[in-house]
Amino acid sequence: MKFQSEKPQLAEVDMTPMIDIVFQLIAFFMVITNFEQTAADERVKLPRDVLAKPPEVKLERELVVNVGFLRDSSGKKLDPEPLVFWAGENIRVGDMGAKFQQERRIAEAKKQDPKDITVVIRADAEVPTGAVQELMRLAQEAKFEKFALKAAQASL
């Protein structure tokens, strides 16, 4: 009796469900990613303090202001005057009044009271206290009343 030998057929795996799962996982992780650091600017080196702690509840409405210095690759200041890093612009602290007024108008157009918006100031450790106070004064002139200062938590 003669047996016919057949070439084995290779089974092909349908990869469509695997690709669907991968895209669903990507979408899932994009949704749950913590976007809190999106307002952070890497040019701002926050001061370290053992008393600094993360907020217990997330602020409902916040306006983040990053204040620091332009530095070269070695970390040396290129300009001794602190700048506000705002939407891709480098703005002098004294010129922020117009930006705060603009943010107030935007909030009012959205039917939000500027008094309910917390201005979060992320100032570099070397920024003079007077510059931070000036920012707060300019924000108050634009009717913002709540403020928070950010610092990095230092270990004991």
N, C-alpha and C. Protein backbone atom coordinates (compact mmCIF):
# COMPACT_ATOMS: atom_id res chain seq x y z
N MET A 1 0.83 -1.16 0.00
CA MET A 1 0.00 0.00 0.00
C MET A 1 0.89 1.24 0.00
N LYS A 2 0.54 2.11 -0.85
CA LYS A 2 1.35 3.29 -1.03
C LYS A 2 0.67 4.48 -0.34
N PHE A 3 1.48 5.15 0.52
CA PHE A 3 0.96 6.34 1.21
C PHE A 3 1.38 7.58 0.46
N GLN A 4 0.45 8.46 0.33
CA GLN A 4 0.80 9.73 -0.30
C GLN A 4 1.24 10.70 0.79
N SER A 5 2.36 11.26 0.58
CA SER A 5 2.81 12.25 1.56
C SER A 5 2.33 13.64 1.13
N GLU A 6 1.69 14.26 2.05
CA GLU A 6 1.22 15.62 1.78
C GLU A 6 2.14 16.61 2.50
N LYS A 7 2.33 17.72 1.89
CA LYS A 7 3.12 18.74 2.54
C LYS A 7 2.29 19.32 3.68
N PRO A 8 2.94 19.48 4.83
CA PRO A 8 2.17 20.03 5.94
C PRO A 8 1.75 21.48 5.65
N GLN A 9 0.52 21.80 6.00
CA GLN A 9 0.01 23.15 5.79
C GLN A 9 0.32 23.99 7.03
N LEU A 10 0.83 25.17 6.79
CA LEU A 10 1.14 26.06 7.89
C LEU A 10 -0.12 26.82 8.29
N ALA A 11 -0.39 26.78 9.57
CA ALA A 11 -1.55 27.51 10.07
C ALA A 11 -1.17 28.98 10.24
N GLU A 12 -1.98 29.86 9.75
CA GLU A 12 -1.73 31.28 9.88
C GLU A 12 -2.55 31.82 11.05
N VAL A 13 -1.90 32.64 11.84
CA VAL A 13 -2.56 33.23 12.99
C VAL A 13 -3.14 34.58 12.58
N ASP A 14 -4.39 34.80 12.93
CA ASP A 14 -5.03 36.07 12.64
C ASP A 14 -4.59 37.08 13.70
N MET A 15 -3.85 38.09 13.29
CA MET A 15 -3.30 39.08 14.22
C MET A 15 -4.24 40.26 14.49
N THR A 16 -5.36 40.30 13.84
CA THR A 16 -6.28 41.42 14.00
C THR A 16 -6.72 41.61 15.45
N PRO A 17 -7.14 40.56 16.17
CA PRO A 17 -7.54 40.78 17.56
C PRO A 17 -6.36 41.27 18.44
N MET A 18 -5.17 40.79 18.16
CA MET A 18 -4.00 41.21 18.93
C MET A 18 -3.74 42.71 18.72
N ILE A 19 -3.84 43.16 17.50
CA ILE A 19 -3.64 44.58 17.19
C ILE A 19 -4.72 45.42 17.87
N ASP A 20 -5.96 44.94 17.86
CA ASP A 20 -7.04 45.66 18.54
C ASP A 20 -6.76 45.81 20.02
N ILE A 21 -6.28 44.75 20.64
CA ILE A 21 -5.99 44.79 22.08
C ILE A 21 -4.86 45.78 22.36
N VAL A 22 -3.84 45.78 21.54
CA VAL A 22 -2.72 46.70 21.74
C VAL A 22 -3.20 48.15 21.65
N PHE A 23 -4.02 48.46 20.66
CA PHE A 23 -4.52 49.82 20.54
C PHE A 23 -5.42 50.19 21.71
N GLN A 24 -6.21 49.25 22.21
CA GLN A 24 -7.04 49.53 23.38
C GLN A 24 -6.18 49.79 24.61
N LEU A 25 -5.10 49.05 24.77
CA LEU A 25 -4.19 49.28 25.89
C LEU A 25 -3.53 50.65 25.79
N ILE A 26 -3.12 51.02 24.60
CA ILE A 26 -2.51 52.34 24.41
C ILE A 26 -3.52 53.43 24.78
N ALA A 27 -4.74 53.30 24.31
CA ALA A 27 -5.77 54.29 24.63
C ALA A 27 -6.04 54.33 26.14
N PHE A 28 -6.08 53.17 26.77
CA PHE A 28 -6.32 53.09 28.22
C PHE A 28 -5.22 53.83 28.99
N PHE A 29 -3.97 53.56 28.66
CA PHE A 29 -2.87 54.19 29.39
C PHE A 29 -2.78 55.69 29.10
N MET A 30 -3.20 56.11 27.93
CA MET A 30 -3.23 57.55 27.65
C MET A 30 -4.28 58.24 28.51
N VAL A 31 -5.39 57.57 28.74
CA VAL A 31 -6.46 58.17 29.53
C VAL A 31 -6.09 58.25 31.01
N ILE A 32 -5.43 57.23 31.53
CA ILE A 32 -5.14 57.21 32.97
C ILE A 32 -3.83 57.89 33.33
N THR A 33 -3.07 58.32 32.33
CA THR A 33 -1.79 58.98 32.60
C THR A 33 -2.02 60.25 33.39
N ASN A 34 -1.16 60.50 34.35
CA ASN A 34 -1.25 61.70 35.17
C ASN A 34 -0.69 62.88 34.38
N PHE A 35 -1.56 63.80 34.06
CA PHE A 35 -1.15 64.96 33.27
C PHE A 35 -0.80 66.15 34.16
N GLU A 36 -0.60 65.93 35.46
CA GLU A 36 -0.30 67.02 36.37
C GLU A 36 1.01 67.70 36.01
N GLN A 37 1.97 66.96 35.50
CA GLN A 37 3.27 67.53 35.20
C GLN A 37 3.31 68.25 33.86
N THR A 38 2.20 68.27 33.12
CA THR A 38 2.22 68.93 31.82
C THR A 38 2.44 70.43 31.94
N ALA A 39 2.06 71.00 33.07
CA ALA A 39 2.25 72.43 33.26
C ALA A 39 3.63 72.74 33.82
N ALA A 40 4.38 71.71 34.16
CA ALA A 40 5.71 71.92 34.73
C ALA A 40 6.70 72.25 33.61
N ASP A 41 7.67 73.07 33.95
CA ASP A 41 8.72 73.45 33.00
C ASP A 41 10.04 72.96 33.56
N GLU A 42 10.78 72.21 32.78
CA GLU A 42 12.04 71.62 33.26
C GLU A 42 13.11 72.67 33.54
N ARG A 43 12.93 73.89 33.05
CA ARG A 43 13.90 74.95 33.32
C ARG A 43 13.77 75.49 34.74
N VAL A 44 12.67 75.17 35.41
CA VAL A 44 12.44 75.65 36.77
C VAL A 44 12.87 74.56 37.75
N LYS A 45 13.90 74.87 38.54
CA LYS A 45 14.39 73.96 39.58
C LYS A 45 13.76 74.40 40.90
N LEU A 46 12.72 73.66 41.32
CA LEU A 46 11.99 74.05 42.52
C LEU A 46 12.86 73.98 43.76
N PRO A 47 12.59 74.86 44.73
CA PRO A 47 13.32 74.76 46.00
C PRO A 47 12.91 73.48 46.72
N ARG A 48 13.81 72.93 47.52
CA ARG A 48 13.53 71.71 48.26
C ARG A 48 13.26 72.08 49.72
N ASP A 49 12.25 71.45 50.31
CA ASP A 49 11.89 71.73 51.68
C ASP A 49 11.26 70.48 52.29
N VAL A 50 11.58 70.21 53.55
CA VAL A 50 11.00 69.03 54.21
C VAL A 50 9.52 69.25 54.51
N LEU A 51 9.08 70.49 54.56
CA LEU A 51 7.67 70.78 54.85
C LEU A 51 6.80 70.72 53.60
N ALA A 52 7.43 70.69 52.43
CA ALA A 52 6.65 70.63 51.19
C ALA A 52 5.94 69.29 51.10
N LYS A 53 4.69 69.34 50.69
CA LYS A 53 3.93 68.10 50.51
C LYS A 53 2.94 68.30 49.37
N PRO A 54 2.58 67.21 48.71
CA PRO A 54 1.60 67.36 47.63
C PRO A 54 0.24 67.74 48.20
N PRO A 55 -0.57 68.42 47.41
CA PRO A 55 -1.90 68.80 47.91
C PRO A 55 -2.75 67.57 48.18
N GLU A 56 -3.58 67.68 49.21
CA GLU A 56 -4.44 66.55 49.57
C GLU A 56 -5.57 66.35 48.57
N VAL A 57 -6.05 67.44 48.01
CA VAL A 57 -7.06 67.37 46.96
C VAL A 57 -6.57 68.16 45.77
N LYS A 58 -6.89 67.70 44.58
CA LYS A 58 -6.47 68.40 43.38
C LYS A 58 -7.26 69.69 43.25
N LEU A 59 -6.55 70.73 42.87
CA LEU A 59 -7.20 72.02 42.67
C LEU A 59 -8.17 71.91 41.49
N GLU A 60 -9.35 72.47 41.68
CA GLU A 60 -10.36 72.38 40.63
C GLU A 60 -9.99 73.22 39.41
N ARG A 61 -9.64 74.47 39.66
CA ARG A 61 -9.24 75.37 38.58
C ARG A 61 -7.93 76.02 38.98
N GLU A 62 -6.94 75.88 38.11
CA GLU A 62 -5.64 76.46 38.43
C GLU A 62 -5.02 77.11 37.20
N LEU A 63 -4.19 78.09 37.48
CA LEU A 63 -3.43 78.80 36.46
C LEU A 63 -1.97 78.68 36.88
N VAL A 64 -1.18 77.91 36.14
CA VAL A 64 0.19 77.63 36.53
C VAL A 64 1.13 78.65 35.88
N VAL A 65 2.00 79.22 36.72
CA VAL A 65 2.98 80.21 36.28
C VAL A 65 4.37 79.67 36.63
N ASN A 66 5.21 79.45 35.63
CA ASN A 66 6.58 78.97 35.82
C ASN A 66 7.54 80.14 35.74
N VAL A 67 8.36 80.32 36.79
CA VAL A 67 9.31 81.43 36.85
C VAL A 67 10.71 80.86 37.03
N GLY A 68 11.63 81.29 36.18
CA GLY A 68 12.99 80.78 36.29
C GLY A 68 13.95 81.64 35.50
N PHE A 69 15.07 81.03 35.15
CA PHE A 69 16.12 81.74 34.44
C PHE A 69 16.47 81.00 33.16
N LEU A 70 16.88 81.77 32.16
CA LEU A 70 17.48 81.15 30.98
C LEU A 70 18.88 80.72 31.37
N ARG A 71 19.21 79.47 31.08
CA ARG A 71 20.52 78.94 31.47
C ARG A 71 21.17 78.26 30.27
N ASP A 72 22.51 78.19 30.31
CA ASP A 72 23.21 77.45 29.26
C ASP A 72 23.24 75.97 29.65
N SER A 73 23.91 75.16 28.85
CA SER A 73 23.90 73.71 29.09
C SER A 73 24.60 73.33 30.39
N SER A 74 25.47 74.19 30.91
CA SER A 74 26.15 73.88 32.17
C SER A 74 25.35 74.36 33.39
N GLY A 75 24.24 75.07 33.16
CA GLY A 75 23.40 75.55 34.25
C GLY A 75 23.66 76.98 34.66
N LYS A 76 24.58 77.64 33.98
CA LYS A 76 24.91 79.04 34.29
C LYS A 76 23.83 79.96 33.75
N LYS A 77 23.42 80.93 34.55
CA LYS A 77 22.39 81.88 34.13
C LYS A 77 22.89 82.73 32.97
N LEU A 78 22.06 82.84 31.94
CA LEU A 78 22.39 83.71 30.81
C LEU A 78 21.91 85.13 31.06
N ASP A 79 20.91 85.28 31.91
CA ASP A 79 20.33 86.59 32.22
C ASP A 79 20.03 86.58 33.72
N PRO A 80 20.47 87.59 34.46
CA PRO A 80 20.23 87.59 35.91
C PRO A 80 18.77 87.87 36.29
N GLU A 81 17.99 88.38 35.35
CA GLU A 81 16.59 88.70 35.64
C GLU A 81 15.72 87.47 35.41
N PRO A 82 14.86 87.14 36.38
CA PRO A 82 13.99 85.97 36.19
C PRO A 82 12.94 86.23 35.11
N LEU A 83 12.56 85.17 34.44
CA LEU A 83 11.56 85.24 33.37
C LEU A 83 10.41 84.30 33.68
N VAL A 84 9.25 84.63 33.16
CA VAL A 84 8.10 83.74 33.25
C VAL A 84 8.03 82.98 31.94
N PHE A 85 8.01 81.66 32.04
CA PHE A 85 7.91 80.80 30.85
C PHE A 85 6.42 80.57 30.61
N TRP A 86 5.88 81.25 29.61
CA TRP A 86 4.43 81.30 29.41
C TRP A 86 4.09 80.97 27.97
N ALA A 87 3.50 79.84 27.73
CA ALA A 87 3.01 79.45 26.40
C ALA A 87 4.07 79.63 25.32
N GLY A 88 5.28 79.18 25.59
CA GLY A 88 6.35 79.26 24.61
C GLY A 88 7.06 80.60 24.57
N GLU A 89 6.63 81.54 25.39
CA GLU A 89 7.26 82.86 25.44
C GLU A 89 8.07 83.00 26.71
N ASN A 90 9.06 83.86 26.69
CA ASN A 90 9.82 84.23 27.88
C ASN A 90 9.46 85.68 28.20
N ILE A 91 8.74 85.88 29.30
CA ILE A 91 8.18 87.20 29.63
C ILE A 91 8.80 87.71 30.92
N ARG A 92 9.16 88.98 30.95
CA ARG A 92 9.66 89.60 32.17
C ARG A 92 8.54 89.61 33.21
N VAL A 93 8.91 89.49 34.48
CA VAL A 93 7.92 89.43 35.55
C VAL A 93 7.01 90.66 35.53
N GLY A 94 7.58 91.82 35.32
CA GLY A 94 6.78 93.05 35.31
C GLY A 94 5.80 93.14 34.16
N ASP A 95 5.99 92.35 33.12
CA ASP A 95 5.10 92.39 31.96
C ASP A 95 3.96 91.37 32.04
N MET A 96 3.85 90.67 33.17
CA MET A 96 2.83 89.63 33.29
C MET A 96 1.43 90.18 33.58
N GLY A 97 1.33 91.45 33.92
CA GLY A 97 0.02 92.03 34.22
C GLY A 97 -0.95 91.85 33.07
N ALA A 98 -0.50 92.11 31.85
CA ALA A 98 -1.37 91.97 30.68
C ALA A 98 -1.81 90.52 30.49
N LYS A 99 -0.91 89.58 30.76
CA LYS A 99 -1.26 88.15 30.61
C LYS A 99 -2.29 87.73 31.66
N PHE A 100 -2.15 88.23 32.89
CA PHE A 100 -3.13 87.93 33.92
C PHE A 100 -4.49 88.54 33.57
N GLN A 101 -4.48 89.75 33.02
CA GLN A 101 -5.74 90.37 32.60
C GLN A 101 -6.40 89.54 31.49
N GLN A 102 -5.59 89.06 30.57
CA GLN A 102 -6.10 88.22 29.48
C GLN A 102 -6.70 86.93 30.05
N GLU A 103 -6.03 86.30 31.00
CA GLU A 103 -6.56 85.08 31.62
C GLU A 103 -7.86 85.35 32.36
N ARG A 104 -7.97 86.53 32.99
CA ARG A 104 -9.21 86.90 33.67
C ARG A 104 -10.35 87.02 32.67
N ARG A 105 -10.09 87.66 31.52
CA ARG A 105 -11.13 87.81 30.49
C ARG A 105 -11.55 86.44 29.94
N ILE A 106 -10.59 85.55 29.77
CA ILE A 106 -10.90 84.19 29.28
C ILE A 106 -11.78 83.47 30.30
N ALA A 107 -11.43 83.58 31.58
CA ALA A 107 -12.22 82.93 32.63
C ALA A 107 -13.64 83.50 32.66
N GLU A 108 -13.76 84.80 32.57
CA GLU A 108 -15.08 85.42 32.59
C GLU A 108 -15.89 85.01 31.36
N ALA A 109 -15.24 84.85 30.22
CA ALA A 109 -15.95 84.41 29.02
C ALA A 109 -16.48 82.98 29.19
N LYS A 110 -15.77 82.19 30.01
CA LYS A 110 -16.21 80.82 30.30
C LYS A 110 -17.16 80.77 31.48
N LYS A 111 -17.59 81.93 31.94
CA LYS A 111 -18.50 82.06 33.08
C LYS A 111 -17.87 81.54 34.37
N GLN A 112 -16.55 81.77 34.53
CA GLN A 112 -15.84 81.40 35.74
C GLN A 112 -15.41 82.67 36.46
N ASP A 113 -15.50 82.62 37.76
CA ASP A 113 -15.08 83.75 38.57
C ASP A 113 -13.57 83.63 38.81
N PRO A 114 -12.79 84.67 38.48
CA PRO A 114 -11.34 84.60 38.71
C PRO A 114 -10.98 84.34 40.17
N LYS A 115 -11.88 84.70 41.08
CA LYS A 115 -11.63 84.48 42.50
C LYS A 115 -11.62 82.99 42.84
N ASP A 116 -12.18 82.15 41.98
CA ASP A 116 -12.22 80.71 42.22
C ASP A 116 -11.03 79.98 41.59
N ILE A 117 -10.20 80.70 40.86
CA ILE A 117 -9.05 80.10 40.18
C ILE A 117 -7.81 80.30 41.05
N THR A 118 -7.08 79.22 41.30
CA THR A 118 -5.86 79.29 42.09
C THR A 118 -4.67 79.52 41.16
N VAL A 119 -3.90 80.56 41.43
CA VAL A 119 -2.68 80.84 40.68
C VAL A 119 -1.55 80.05 41.35
N VAL A 120 -1.03 79.06 40.64
CA VAL A 120 0.04 78.22 41.17
C VAL A 120 1.36 78.75 40.63
N ILE A 121 2.23 79.21 41.53
CA ILE A 121 3.51 79.77 41.12
C ILE A 121 4.60 78.73 41.38
N ARG A 122 5.23 78.31 40.29
CA ARG A 122 6.37 77.39 40.34
C ARG A 122 7.62 78.22 40.09
N ALA A 123 8.28 78.65 41.17
CA ALA A 123 9.44 79.52 41.03
C ALA A 123 10.73 78.74 41.27
N ASP A 124 11.72 79.02 40.44
CA ASP A 124 13.05 78.45 40.61
C ASP A 124 13.57 78.81 42.00
N ALA A 125 14.40 77.94 42.57
CA ALA A 125 14.94 78.17 43.91
C ALA A 125 15.73 79.47 44.01
N GLU A 126 16.28 79.95 42.90
CA GLU A 126 17.10 81.16 42.92
C GLU A 126 16.32 82.43 42.57
N VAL A 127 15.04 82.31 42.30
CA VAL A 127 14.23 83.50 41.99
C VAL A 127 14.05 84.30 43.27
N PRO A 128 14.33 85.61 43.23
CA PRO A 128 14.15 86.43 44.43
C PRO A 128 12.69 86.46 44.88
N THR A 129 12.51 86.53 46.18
CA THR A 129 11.16 86.57 46.75
C THR A 129 10.38 87.76 46.20
N GLY A 130 11.05 88.86 45.95
CA GLY A 130 10.38 90.05 45.43
C GLY A 130 9.72 89.80 44.07
N ALA A 131 10.33 88.96 43.24
CA ALA A 131 9.74 88.66 41.94
C ALA A 131 8.46 87.86 42.11
N VAL A 132 8.45 86.94 43.06
CA VAL A 132 7.24 86.15 43.33
C VAL A 132 6.15 87.06 43.88
N GLN A 133 6.53 87.97 44.77
CA GLN A 133 5.56 88.91 45.32
C GLN A 133 4.99 89.82 44.23
N GLU A 134 5.83 90.22 43.28
CA GLU A 134 5.37 91.06 42.18
C GLU A 134 4.35 90.31 41.32
N LEU A 135 4.62 89.03 41.06
CA LEU A 135 3.66 88.21 40.30
C LEU A 135 2.32 88.13 41.04
N MET A 136 2.39 87.94 42.33
CA MET A 136 1.15 87.86 43.12
C MET A 136 0.39 89.19 43.07
N ARG A 137 1.11 90.30 43.15
CA ARG A 137 0.47 91.62 43.08
C ARG A 137 -0.22 91.82 41.74
N LEU A 138 0.48 91.46 40.66
CA LEU A 138 -0.11 91.60 39.32
C LEU A 138 -1.33 90.71 39.15
N ALA A 139 -1.28 89.52 39.70
CA ALA A 139 -2.43 88.61 39.62
C ALA A 139 -3.60 89.16 40.44
N GLN A 140 -3.31 89.76 41.59
CA GLN A 140 -4.38 90.34 42.40
C GLN A 140 -5.03 91.52 41.68
N GLU A 141 -4.25 92.29 40.95
CA GLU A 141 -4.82 93.40 40.18
C GLU A 141 -5.79 92.88 39.11
N ALA A 142 -5.56 91.65 38.65
CA ALA A 142 -6.44 91.04 37.65
C ALA A 142 -7.59 90.27 38.31
N LYS A 143 -7.76 90.44 39.63
CA LYS A 143 -8.87 89.87 40.40
C LYS A 143 -8.68 88.40 40.78
N PHE A 144 -7.46 87.88 40.70
CA PHE A 144 -7.19 86.53 41.21
C PHE A 144 -6.87 86.66 42.70
N GLU A 145 -7.42 85.76 43.51
CA GLU A 145 -7.25 85.88 44.96
C GLU A 145 -6.59 84.68 45.62
N LYS A 146 -6.62 83.54 44.97
CA LYS A 146 -6.06 82.32 45.57
C LYS A 146 -4.68 82.05 44.97
N PHE A 147 -3.74 81.68 45.84
CA PHE A 147 -2.38 81.41 45.40
C PHE A 147 -1.84 80.15 46.05
N ALA A 148 -0.96 79.47 45.33
CA ALA A 148 -0.24 78.32 45.86
C ALA A 148 1.18 78.39 45.31
N LEU A 149 2.13 78.04 46.17
CA LEU A 149 3.53 78.03 45.76
C LEU A 149 4.00 76.58 45.76
N LYS A 150 4.74 76.19 44.72
CA LYS A 150 5.22 74.82 44.61
C LYS A 150 6.66 74.72 45.08
N ALA A 151 6.95 73.61 45.74
CA ALA A 151 8.32 73.28 46.16
C ALA A 151 8.48 71.78 46.05
N ALA A 152 9.70 71.33 45.87
CA ALA A 152 9.97 69.90 45.83
C ALA A 152 10.14 69.40 47.26
N GLN A 153 9.66 68.19 47.50
CA GLN A 153 9.76 67.61 48.83
C GLN A 153 11.16 67.07 49.06
N ALA A 154 11.79 67.50 50.15
CA ALA A 154 13.12 67.03 50.50
C ALA A 154 13.00 65.95 51.56
N SER A 155 13.91 65.00 51.52
CA SER A 155 13.89 63.94 52.52
C SER A 155 14.52 64.45 53.81
N LEU A 156 14.12 63.85 54.91
CA LEU A 156 14.65 64.25 56.23
C LEU A 156 16.07 63.80 56.41
